[in-house]
Amino acid sequence: MKVTVRFSAQARAVAGAAEESVDLPVAGTLRDLVILLADRHGEPLRGFLLGADGAPHASLLLIVGDEQARLSDGRALRAGDVVSILTPISGG
Protein backbone atom coordinates (compact mmCIF):
# COMPACT_ATOMS: atom_id res chain seq x y z
CA MET A 1 0.00 0.00 0.00
CA LYS A 2 1.31 3.45 -0.85
CA VAL A 3 1.41 6.41 1.49
CA THR A 4 2.87 9.86 0.92
CA VAL A 5 5.33 11.33 3.38
CA ARG A 6 5.89 15.08 3.59
CA PHE A 7 8.92 16.42 5.40
CA SER A 8 8.87 19.94 6.87
CA ALA A 9 11.58 22.27 8.14
CA GLN A 10 14.50 20.38 9.74
CA ALA A 11 13.00 17.02 8.72
CA ARG A 12 13.14 18.17 5.07
CA ALA A 13 16.76 19.19 5.43
CA VAL A 14 17.89 15.84 6.86
CA ALA A 15 15.71 13.76 4.50
CA GLY A 16 16.99 15.64 1.47
CA ALA A 17 13.48 15.82 0.03
CA ALA A 18 10.19 17.57 0.67
CA GLU A 19 8.02 14.55 -0.16
CA GLU A 20 8.22 10.90 -1.11
CA SER A 21 5.97 7.93 -1.79
CA VAL A 22 6.47 4.86 0.39
CA ASP A 23 5.22 1.29 -0.01
CA LEU A 24 4.14 -0.25 3.29
CA PRO A 25 2.72 -3.69 4.01
CA VAL A 26 -1.06 -3.77 4.44
CA ALA A 27 -1.89 -2.75 8.03
CA GLY A 28 1.49 -1.02 8.40
CA THR A 29 1.53 1.38 11.33
CA LEU A 30 2.89 4.85 11.78
CA ARG A 31 5.72 3.33 13.81
CA ASP A 32 6.52 0.93 10.93
CA LEU A 33 6.69 3.90 8.56
CA VAL A 34 9.09 5.87 10.77
CA ILE A 35 11.44 2.89 11.11
CA LEU A 36 11.28 2.17 7.36
CA LEU A 37 12.16 5.80 6.58
CA ALA A 38 15.11 5.68 8.98
CA ASP A 39 16.37 2.48 7.35
CA ARG A 40 15.83 3.83 3.83
CA HIS A 41 17.60 7.15 4.34
CA GLY A 42 20.25 6.30 6.93
CA GLU A 43 21.99 9.17 8.73
CA PRO A 44 21.18 11.96 9.43
CA LEU A 45 17.45 11.18 9.10
CA ARG A 46 17.90 8.06 11.25
CA GLY A 47 19.20 10.20 14.12
CA PHE A 48 16.34 12.66 13.64
CA LEU A 49 13.67 9.93 13.77
CA LEU A 50 15.14 7.31 16.11
CA GLY A 51 16.85 7.33 19.48
CA ALA A 52 19.99 5.39 20.37
CA ASP A 53 17.78 2.43 21.31
CA GLY A 54 16.36 2.26 17.76
CA ALA A 55 12.88 3.35 18.85
CA PRO A 56 11.20 6.40 17.31
CA HIS A 57 11.60 9.64 19.27
CA ALA A 58 8.46 10.33 21.31
CA SER A 59 8.84 14.04 20.53
CA LEU A 60 8.22 13.63 16.78
CA LEU A 61 5.29 15.61 15.46
CA LEU A 62 3.38 13.38 13.06
CA ILE A 63 0.27 14.39 11.19
CA VAL A 64 -1.88 11.89 9.28
CA GLY A 65 -4.17 13.76 6.93
CA ASP A 66 -5.07 16.75 9.06
CA GLU A 67 -4.92 15.06 12.49
CA GLN A 68 -1.98 14.84 14.85
CA ALA A 69 -1.08 11.21 15.51
CA ARG A 70 0.95 9.54 18.23
CA LEU A 71 3.25 6.61 17.68
CA SER A 72 1.96 5.03 20.86
CA ASP A 73 -1.56 4.77 19.39
CA GLY A 74 -0.53 1.88 17.13
CA ARG A 75 -2.49 3.55 14.35
CA ALA A 76 -2.64 1.53 11.14
CA LEU A 77 -2.14 3.57 8.00
CA ARG A 78 -4.36 3.25 4.95
CA ALA A 79 -3.50 3.39 1.27
CA GLY A 80 -3.40 7.00 0.15
CA ASP A 81 -2.72 8.46 3.60
CA VAL A 82 -0.52 11.55 3.71
CA VAL A 83 1.84 11.65 6.68
CA SER A 84 3.64 14.88 7.56
CA ILE A 85 6.76 14.81 9.72
CA LEU A 86 7.38 18.10 11.49
CA THR A 87 10.09 19.46 13.70
CA PRO A 88 9.03 19.66 17.36
CA ILE A 89 8.16 23.24 18.28
CA SER A 90 8.86 24.89 21.61
CA GLY A 91 7.99 28.24 23.03
CA GLY A 92 5.19 29.88 24.83
PDB file of N, CA and C in Angstrom:
ATOM      1  N   MET A   1       0.847  -1.162   0.000  1.00  0.00           N
ATOM      2  CA  MET A   1       0.000   0.000   0.000  1.00  0.00           C
ATOM      3  C   MET A   1       0.897   1.231   0.000  1.00  0.00           C
ATOM      4  N   LYS A   2       0.512   2.229  -0.744  1.00  0.00           N
ATOM      5  CA  LYS A   2       1.313   3.453  -0.855  1.00  0.00           C
ATOM      6  C   LYS A   2       0.775   4.547   0.055  1.00  0.00           C
ATOM      7  N   VAL A   3       1.716   5.214   0.730  1.00  0.00           N
ATOM      8  CA  VAL A   3       1.406   6.414   1.489  1.00  0.00           C
ATOM      9  C   VAL A   3       2.387   7.495   1.047  1.00  0.00           C
ATOM     10  N   THR A   4       2.005   8.736   1.242  1.00  0.00           N
ATOM     11  CA  THR A   4       2.872   9.865   0.917  1.00  0.00           C
ATOM     12  C   THR A   4       3.406  10.439   2.212  1.00  0.00           C
ATOM     13  N   VAL A   5       4.694  10.726   2.219  1.00  0.00           N
ATOM     14  CA  VAL A   5       5.333  11.328   3.383  1.00  0.00           C
ATOM     15  C   VAL A   5       5.805  12.715   2.980  1.00  0.00           C
ATOM     16  N   ARG A   6       5.436  13.699   3.792  1.00  0.00           N
ATOM     17  CA  ARG A   6       5.888  15.077   3.586  1.00  0.00           C
ATOM     18  C   ARG A   6       6.785  15.470   4.749  1.00  0.00           C
ATOM     19  N   PHE A   7       7.953  15.982   4.400  1.00  0.00           N
ATOM     20  CA  PHE A   7       8.922  16.421   5.397  1.00  0.00           C
ATOM     21  C   PHE A   7       8.898  17.941   5.478  1.00  0.00           C
ATOM     22  N   SER A   8       8.881  18.495   6.682  1.00  0.00           N
ATOM     23  CA  SER A   8       8.871  19.938   6.872  1.00  0.00           C
ATOM     24  C   SER A   8      10.095  20.376   7.654  1.00  0.00           C
ATOM     25  N   ALA A   9      10.522  21.605   7.393  1.00  0.00           N
ATOM     26  CA  ALA A   9      11.577  22.274   8.136  1.00  0.00           C
ATOM     27  C   ALA A   9      12.834  21.400   8.264  1.00  0.00           C
ATOM     28  N   GLN A  10      13.275  21.148   9.498  1.00  0.00           N
ATOM     29  CA  GLN A  10      14.500  20.383   9.737  1.00  0.00           C
ATOM     30  C   GLN A  10      14.380  18.964   9.182  1.00  0.00           C
ATOM     31  N   ALA A  11      13.199  18.368   9.259  1.00  0.00           N
ATOM     32  CA  ALA A  11      13.003  17.018   8.715  1.00  0.00           C
ATOM     33  C   ALA A  11      13.291  17.011   7.217  1.00  0.00           C
ATOM     34  N   ARG A  12      12.877  18.054   6.509  1.00  0.00           N
ATOM     35  CA  ARG A  12      13.140  18.169   5.069  1.00  0.00           C
ATOM     36  C   ARG A  12      14.636  18.246   4.812  1.00  0.00           C
ATOM     37  N   ALA A  13      15.329  19.022   5.614  1.00  0.00           N
ATOM     38  CA  ALA A  13      16.764  19.186   5.433  1.00  0.00           C
ATOM     39  C   ALA A  13      17.510  17.862   5.603  1.00  0.00           C
ATOM     40  N   VAL A  14      17.158  17.091   6.619  1.00  0.00           N
ATOM     41  CA  VAL A  14      17.886  15.840   6.861  1.00  0.00           C
ATOM     42  C   VAL A  14      17.436  14.718   5.931  1.00  0.00           C
ATOM     43  N   ALA A  15      16.201  14.774   5.439  1.00  0.00           N
ATOM     44  CA  ALA A  15      15.714  13.757   4.499  1.00  0.00           C
ATOM     45  C   ALA A  15      16.231  14.022   3.092  1.00  0.00           C
ATOM     46  N   GLY A  16      16.526  15.285   2.804  1.00  0.00           N
ATOM     47  CA  GLY A  16      16.995  15.638   1.471  1.00  0.00           C
ATOM     48  C   GLY A  16      15.870  15.706   0.455  1.00  0.00           C
ATOM     49  N   ALA A  17      14.636  15.763   0.924  1.00  0.00           N
ATOM     50  CA  ALA A  17      13.481  15.822   0.028  1.00  0.00           C
ATOM     51  C   ALA A  17      12.320  16.442   0.795  1.00  0.00           C
ATOM     52  N   ALA A  18      11.388  17.007   0.049  1.00  0.00           N
ATOM     53  CA  ALA A  18      10.194  17.568   0.669  1.00  0.00           C
ATOM     54  C   ALA A  18       9.086  16.530   0.783  1.00  0.00           C
ATOM     55  N   GLU A  19       9.110  15.535  -0.111  1.00  0.00           N
ATOM     56  CA  GLU A  19       8.021  14.553  -0.156  1.00  0.00           C
ATOM     57  C   GLU A  19       8.516  13.282  -0.830  1.00  0.00           C
ATOM     58  N   GLU A  20       7.935  12.162  -0.437  1.00  0.00           N
ATOM     59  CA  GLU A  20       8.217  10.901  -1.114  1.00  0.00           C
ATOM     60  C   GLU A  20       7.052   9.943  -0.940  1.00  0.00           C
ATOM     61  N   SER A  21       6.981   8.990  -1.834  1.00  0.00           N
ATOM     62  CA  SER A  21       5.974   7.935  -1.786  1.00  0.00           C
ATOM     63  C   SER A  21       6.629   6.696  -1.201  1.00  0.00           C
ATOM     64  N   VAL A  22       5.912   6.024  -0.301  1.00  0.00           N
ATOM     65  CA  VAL A  22       6.468   4.861   0.392  1.00  0.00           C
ATOM     66  C   VAL A  22       5.487   3.703   0.287  1.00  0.00           C
ATOM     67  N   ASP A  23       6.011   2.518  -0.021  1.00  0.00           N
ATOM     68  CA  ASP A  23       5.215   1.290  -0.007  1.00  0.00           C
ATOM     69  C   ASP A  23       5.338   0.649   1.364  1.00  0.00           C
ATOM     70  N   LEU A  24       4.197   0.420   1.988  1.00  0.00           N
ATOM     71  CA  LEU A  24       4.143  -0.252   3.290  1.00  0.00           C
ATOM     72  C   LEU A  24       3.326  -1.522   3.151  1.00  0.00           C
ATOM     73  N   PRO A  25       3.588  -2.516   3.996  1.00  0.00           N
ATOM     74  CA  PRO A  25       2.716  -3.686   4.009  1.00  0.00           C
ATOM     75  C   PRO A  25       1.308  -3.273   4.444  1.00  0.00           C
ATOM     76  N   VAL A  26       0.318  -4.026   4.003  1.00  0.00           N
ATOM     77  CA  VAL A  26      -1.055  -3.770   4.442  1.00  0.00           C
ATOM     78  C   VAL A  26      -1.072  -3.799   5.963  1.00  0.00           C
ATOM     79  N   ALA A  27      -1.795  -2.891   6.573  1.00  0.00           N
ATOM     80  CA  ALA A  27      -1.894  -2.750   8.032  1.00  0.00           C
ATOM     81  C   ALA A  27      -0.589  -2.256   8.658  1.00  0.00           C
ATOM     82  N   GLY A  28       0.287  -1.636   7.850  1.00  0.00           N
ATOM     83  CA  GLY A  28       1.489  -1.019   8.399  1.00  0.00           C
ATOM     84  C   GLY A  28       1.095   0.135   9.299  1.00  0.00           C
ATOM     85  N   THR A  29       1.848   0.324  10.368  1.00  0.00           N
ATOM     86  CA  THR A  29       1.535   1.376  11.333  1.00  0.00           C
ATOM     87  C   THR A  29       2.422   2.591  11.114  1.00  0.00           C
ATOM     88  N   LEU A  30       2.081   3.645  11.810  1.00  0.00           N
ATOM     89  CA  LEU A  30       2.890   4.855  11.779  1.00  0.00           C
ATOM     90  C   LEU A  30       4.310   4.549  12.266  1.00  0.00           C
ATOM     91  N   ARG A  31       4.410   3.739  13.291  1.00  0.00           N
ATOM     92  CA  ARG A  31       5.722   3.331  13.809  1.00  0.00           C
ATOM     93  C   ARG A  31       6.519   2.579  12.733  1.00  0.00           C
ATOM     94  N   ASP A  32       5.861   1.666  12.015  1.00  0.00           N
ATOM     95  CA  ASP A  32       6.520   0.932  10.933  1.00  0.00           C
ATOM     96  C   ASP A  32       7.069   1.904   9.886  1.00  0.00           C
ATOM     97  N   LEU A  33       6.276   2.916   9.566  1.00  0.00           N
ATOM     98  CA  LEU A  33       6.687   3.897   8.564  1.00  0.00           C
ATOM     99  C   LEU A  33       7.926   4.651   9.012  1.00  0.00           C
ATOM    100  N   VAL A  34       7.948   5.111  10.254  1.00  0.00           N
ATOM    101  CA  VAL A  34       9.087   5.869  10.765  1.00  0.00           C
ATOM    102  C   VAL A  34      10.363   5.020  10.717  1.00  0.00           C
ATOM    103  N   ILE A  35      10.268   3.773  11.122  1.00  0.00           N
ATOM    104  CA  ILE A  35      11.437   2.887  11.108  1.00  0.00           C
ATOM    105  C   ILE A  35      11.883   2.607   9.670  1.00  0.00           C
ATOM    106  N   LEU A  36      10.941   2.390   8.772  1.00  0.00           N
ATOM    107  CA  LEU A  36      11.276   2.169   7.365  1.00  0.00           C
ATOM    108  C   LEU A  36      11.991   3.389   6.781  1.00  0.00           C
ATOM    109  N   LEU A  37      11.510   4.584   7.082  1.00  0.00           N
ATOM    110  CA  LEU A  37      12.156   5.802   6.584  1.00  0.00           C
ATOM    111  C   LEU A  37      13.578   5.929   7.113  1.00  0.00           C
ATOM    112  N   ALA A  38      13.771   5.629   8.395  1.00  0.00           N
ATOM    113  CA  ALA A  38      15.114   5.685   8.980  1.00  0.00           C
ATOM    114  C   ALA A  38      16.048   4.693   8.300  1.00  0.00           C
ATOM    115  N   ASP A  39      15.554   3.490   8.030  1.00  0.00           N
ATOM    116  CA  ASP A  39      16.367   2.477   7.349  1.00  0.00           C
ATOM    117  C   ASP A  39      16.670   2.887   5.914  1.00  0.00           C
ATOM    118  N   ARG A  40      15.684   3.449   5.242  1.00  0.00           N
ATOM    119  CA  ARG A  40      15.831   3.825   3.835  1.00  0.00           C
ATOM    120  C   ARG A  40      16.837   4.957   3.650  1.00  0.00           C
ATOM    121  N   HIS A  41      16.770   5.957   4.523  1.00  0.00           N
ATOM    122  CA  HIS A  41      17.598   7.151   4.344  1.00  0.00           C
ATOM    123  C   HIS A  41      18.925   7.100   5.082  1.00  0.00           C
ATOM    124  N   GLY A  42      19.029   6.316   6.135  1.00  0.00           N
ATOM    125  CA  GLY A  42      20.253   6.303   6.931  1.00  0.00           C
ATOM    126  C   GLY A  42      20.443   7.627   7.662  1.00  0.00           C
ATOM    127  N   GLU A  43      21.692   7.906   8.037  1.00  0.00           N
ATOM    128  CA  GLU A  43      21.987   9.167   8.730  1.00  0.00           C
ATOM    129  C   GLU A  43      21.928  10.311   7.732  1.00  0.00           C
ATOM    130  N   PRO A  44      21.552  11.498   8.097  1.00  0.00           N
ATOM    131  CA  PRO A  44      21.184  11.961   9.426  1.00  0.00           C
ATOM    132  C   PRO A  44      19.698  11.787   9.761  1.00  0.00           C
ATOM    133  N   LEU A  45      18.874  11.333   8.808  1.00  0.00           N
ATOM    134  CA  LEU A  45      17.451  11.178   9.099  1.00  0.00           C
ATOM    135  C   LEU A  45      17.228  10.142  10.198  1.00  0.00           C
ATOM    136  N   ARG A  46      18.027   9.085  10.201  1.00  0.00           N
ATOM    137  CA  ARG A  46      17.897   8.064  11.249  1.00  0.00           C
ATOM    138  C   ARG A  46      18.017   8.691  12.630  1.00  0.00           C
ATOM    139  N   GLY A  47      19.008   9.539  12.829  1.00  0.00           N
ATOM    140  CA  GLY A  47      19.196  10.202  14.121  1.00  0.00           C
ATOM    141  C   GLY A  47      18.078  11.166  14.458  1.00  0.00           C
ATOM    142  N   PHE A  48      17.461  11.741  13.437  1.00  0.00           N
ATOM    143  CA  PHE A  48      16.341  12.658  13.643  1.00  0.00           C
ATOM    144  C   PHE A  48      15.093  11.897  14.081  1.00  0.00           C
ATOM    145  N   LEU A  49      14.882  10.704  13.511  1.00  0.00           N
ATOM    146  CA  LEU A  49      13.665   9.932  13.769  1.00  0.00           C
ATOM    147  C   LEU A  49      13.774   8.963  14.939  1.00  0.00           C
ATOM    148  N   LEU A  50      14.974   8.380  15.123  1.00  0.00           N
ATOM    149  CA  LEU A  50      15.139   7.305  16.109  1.00  0.00           C
ATOM    150  C   LEU A  50      16.140   7.672  17.187  1.00  0.00           C
ATOM    151  N   GLY A  51      15.906   7.166  18.381  1.00  0.00           N
ATOM    152  CA  GLY A  51      16.850   7.328  19.480  1.00  0.00           C
ATOM    153  C   GLY A  51      17.947   6.282  19.399  1.00  0.00           C
ATOM    154  N   ALA A  52      18.872   6.332  20.324  1.00  0.00           N
ATOM    155  CA  ALA A  52      19.992   5.386  20.365  1.00  0.00           C
ATOM    156  C   ALA A  52      19.513   3.948  20.526  1.00  0.00           C
ATOM    157  N   ASP A  53      18.334   3.771  21.115  1.00  0.00           N
ATOM    158  CA  ASP A  53      17.783   2.428  21.313  1.00  0.00           C
ATOM    159  C   ASP A  53      17.068   1.893  20.074  1.00  0.00           C
ATOM    160  N   GLY A  54      17.008   2.693  19.002  1.00  0.00           N
ATOM    161  CA  GLY A  54      16.360   2.256  17.765  1.00  0.00           C
ATOM    162  C   GLY A  54      14.866   2.496  17.729  1.00  0.00           C
ATOM    163  N   ALA A  55      14.314   3.055  18.800  1.00  0.00           N
ATOM    164  CA  ALA A  55      12.880   3.352  18.847  1.00  0.00           C
ATOM    165  C   ALA A  55      12.641   4.783  18.372  1.00  0.00           C
ATOM    166  N   PRO A  56      11.508   5.033  17.743  1.00  0.00           N
ATOM    167  CA  PRO A  56      11.197   6.397  17.309  1.00  0.00           C
ATOM    168  C   PRO A  56      11.155   7.368  18.490  1.00  0.00           C
ATOM    169  N   HIS A  57      11.650   8.591  18.250  1.00  0.00           N
ATOM    170  CA  HIS A  57      11.595   9.640  19.270  1.00  0.00           C
ATOM    171  C   HIS A  57      10.141   9.958  19.602  1.00  0.00           C
ATOM    172  N   ALA A  58       9.821  10.011  20.865  1.00  0.00           N
ATOM    173  CA  ALA A  58       8.464  10.333  21.306  1.00  0.00           C
ATOM    174  C   ALA A  58       8.099  11.777  20.986  1.00  0.00           C
ATOM    175  N   SER A  59       9.094  12.623  20.767  1.00  0.00           N
ATOM    176  CA  SER A  59       8.838  14.043  20.526  1.00  0.00           C
ATOM    177  C   SER A  59       8.506  14.362  19.065  1.00  0.00           C
ATOM    178  N   LEU A  60       8.546  13.372  18.181  1.00  0.00           N
ATOM    179  CA  LEU A  60       8.224  13.634  16.775  1.00  0.00           C
ATOM    180  C   LEU A  60       6.800  14.146  16.637  1.00  0.00           C
ATOM    181  N   LEU A  61       6.621  15.131  15.785  1.00  0.00           N
ATOM    182  CA  LEU A  61       5.287  15.614  15.462  1.00  0.00           C
ATOM    183  C   LEU A  61       4.872  14.964  14.154  1.00  0.00           C
ATOM    184  N   LEU A  62       3.858  14.132  14.226  1.00  0.00           N
ATOM    185  CA  LEU A  62       3.384  13.381  13.064  1.00  0.00           C
ATOM    186  C   LEU A  62       1.925  13.724  12.817  1.00  0.00           C
ATOM    187  N   ILE A  63       1.619  14.035  11.579  1.00  0.00           N
ATOM    188  CA  ILE A  63       0.268  14.388  11.186  1.00  0.00           C
ATOM    189  C   ILE A  63      -0.166  13.407  10.108  1.00  0.00           C
ATOM    190  N   VAL A  64      -1.307  12.776  10.295  1.00  0.00           N
ATOM    191  CA  VAL A  64      -1.884  11.886   9.276  1.00  0.00           C
ATOM    192  C   VAL A  64      -3.129  12.592   8.759  1.00  0.00           C
ATOM    193  N   GLY A  65      -3.094  12.944   7.479  1.00  0.00           N
ATOM    194  CA  GLY A  65      -4.173  13.757   6.931  1.00  0.00           C
ATOM    195  C   GLY A  65      -4.107  15.126   7.559  1.00  0.00           C
ATOM    196  N   ASP A  66      -5.092  15.467   8.359  1.00  0.00           N
ATOM    197  CA  ASP A  66      -5.072  16.751   9.064  1.00  0.00           C
ATOM    198  C   ASP A  66      -5.178  16.568  10.581  1.00  0.00           C
ATOM    199  N   GLU A  67      -4.851  15.352  11.059  1.00  0.00           N
ATOM    200  CA  GLU A  67      -4.922  15.062  12.489  1.00  0.00           C
ATOM    201  C   GLU A  67      -3.559  14.671  13.039  1.00  0.00           C
ATOM    202  N   GLN A  68      -3.208  15.239  14.197  1.00  0.00           N
ATOM    203  CA  GLN A  68      -1.978  14.841  14.851  1.00  0.00           C
ATOM    204  C   GLN A  68      -2.115  13.391  15.307  1.00  0.00           C
ATOM    205  N   ALA A  69      -1.066  12.623  15.126  1.00  0.00           N
ATOM    206  CA  ALA A  69      -1.080  11.206  15.505  1.00  0.00           C
ATOM    207  C   ALA A  69       0.089  10.924  16.436  1.00  0.00           C
ATOM    208  N   ARG A  70      -0.106   9.956  17.296  1.00  0.00           N
ATOM    209  CA  ARG A  70       0.946   9.539  18.227  1.00  0.00           C
ATOM    210  C   ARG A  70       1.405   8.129  17.863  1.00  0.00           C
ATOM    211  N   LEU A  71       2.696   7.937  17.966  1.00  0.00           N
ATOM    212  CA  LEU A  71       3.250   6.610  17.680  1.00  0.00           C
ATOM    213  C   LEU A  71       2.685   5.569  18.632  1.00  0.00           C
ATOM    214  N   SER A  72       2.429   5.969  19.852  1.00  0.00           N
ATOM    215  CA  SER A  72       1.956   5.030  20.864  1.00  0.00           C
ATOM    216  C   SER A  72       0.533   4.534  20.600  1.00  0.00           C
ATOM    217  N   ASP A  73      -0.193   5.186  19.695  1.00  0.00           N
ATOM    218  CA  ASP A  73      -1.564   4.774  19.392  1.00  0.00           C
ATOM    219  C   ASP A  73      -1.629   3.475  18.592  1.00  0.00           C
ATOM    220  N   GLY A  74      -0.523   3.089  17.953  1.00  0.00           N
ATOM    221  CA  GLY A  74      -0.527   1.882  17.133  1.00  0.00           C
ATOM    222  C   GLY A  74      -1.396   2.028  15.892  1.00  0.00           C
ATOM    223  N   ARG A  75      -1.608   3.245  15.475  1.00  0.00           N
ATOM    224  CA  ARG A  75      -2.495   3.546  14.348  1.00  0.00           C
ATOM    225  C   ARG A  75      -2.025   2.870  13.064  1.00  0.00           C
ATOM    226  N   ALA A  76      -2.917   2.121  12.443  1.00  0.00           N
ATOM    227  CA  ALA A  76      -2.635   1.526  11.141  1.00  0.00           C
ATOM    228  C   ALA A  76      -2.878   2.577  10.066  1.00  0.00           C
ATOM    229  N   LEU A  77      -1.983   2.648   9.115  1.00  0.00           N
ATOM    230  CA  LEU A  77      -2.144   3.571   8.001  1.00  0.00           C
ATOM    231  C   LEU A  77      -2.968   2.914   6.910  1.00  0.00           C
ATOM    232  N   ARG A  78      -3.555   3.742   6.069  1.00  0.00           N
ATOM    233  CA  ARG A  78      -4.356   3.249   4.952  1.00  0.00           C
ATOM    234  C   ARG A  78      -3.744   3.728   3.647  1.00  0.00           C
ATOM    235  N   ALA A  79      -3.983   2.990   2.594  1.00  0.00           N
ATOM    236  CA  ALA A  79      -3.498   3.386   1.271  1.00  0.00           C
ATOM    237  C   ALA A  79      -3.982   4.797   0.982  1.00  0.00           C
ATOM    238  N   GLY A  80      -3.065   5.631   0.498  1.00  0.00           N
ATOM    239  CA  GLY A  80      -3.404   6.998   0.147  1.00  0.00           C
ATOM    240  C   GLY A  80      -3.228   7.997   1.268  1.00  0.00           C
ATOM    241  N   ASP A  81      -2.934   7.521   2.493  1.00  0.00           N
ATOM    242  CA  ASP A  81      -2.719   8.458   3.596  1.00  0.00           C
ATOM    243  C   ASP A  81      -1.542   9.377   3.286  1.00  0.00           C
ATOM    244  N   VAL A  82      -1.620  10.602   3.794  1.00  0.00           N
ATOM    245  CA  VAL A  82      -0.522  11.555   3.713  1.00  0.00           C
ATOM    246  C   VAL A  82      -0.042  11.794   5.135  1.00  0.00           C
ATOM    247  N   VAL A  83       1.237  11.508   5.354  1.00  0.00           N
ATOM    248  CA  VAL A  83       1.835  11.651   6.678  1.00  0.00           C
ATOM    249  C   VAL A  83       2.856  12.778   6.613  1.00  0.00           C
ATOM    250  N   SER A  84       2.697  13.765   7.474  1.00  0.00           N
ATOM    251  CA  SER A  84       3.642  14.875   7.560  1.00  0.00           C
ATOM    252  C   SER A  84       4.507  14.695   8.790  1.00  0.00           C
ATOM    253  N   ILE A  85       5.810  14.889   8.608  1.00  0.00           N
ATOM    254  CA  ILE A  85       6.755  14.809   9.720  1.00  0.00           C
ATOM    255  C   ILE A  85       7.274  16.218   9.943  1.00  0.00           C
ATOM    256  N   LEU A  86       7.034  16.728  11.150  1.00  0.00           N
ATOM    257  CA  LEU A  86       7.384  18.103  11.492  1.00  0.00           C
ATOM    258  C   LEU A  86       8.417  18.144  12.598  1.00  0.00           C
ATOM    259  N   THR A  87       9.145  19.229  12.631  1.00  0.00           N
ATOM    260  CA  THR A  87      10.091  19.460  13.702  1.00  0.00           C
ATOM    261  C   THR A  87       9.332  19.839  14.966  1.00  0.00           C
ATOM    262  N   PRO A  88       9.676  19.251  16.110  1.00  0.00           N
ATOM    263  CA  PRO A  88       9.028  19.661  17.362  1.00  0.00           C
ATOM    264  C   PRO A  88       9.208  21.168  17.565  1.00  0.00           C
ATOM    265  N   ILE A  89       8.159  21.800  18.087  1.00  0.00           N
ATOM    266  CA  ILE A  89       8.162  23.243  18.284  1.00  0.00           C
ATOM    267  C   ILE A  89       8.128  23.531  19.781  1.00  0.00           C
ATOM    268  N   SER A  90       8.909  24.506  20.197  1.00  0.00           N
ATOM    269  CA  SER A  90       8.864  24.894  21.613  1.00  0.00           C
ATOM    270  C   SER A  90       8.602  26.386  21.693  1.00  0.00           C
ATOM    271  N   GLY A  91       8.249  26.812  22.833  1.00  0.00           N
ATOM    272  CA  GLY A  91       7.987  28.239  23.026  1.00  0.00           C
ATOM    273  C   GLY A  91       6.761  28.434  23.886  1.00  0.00           C
ATOM    274  N   GLY A  92       6.335  29.657  23.975  1.00  0.00           N
ATOM    275  CA  GLY A  92       5.189  29.882  24.830  1.00  0.00           C
ATOM    276  C   GLY A  92       4.467  31.146  24.496  1.00  0.00           C
TER     277      GLY A  92
END
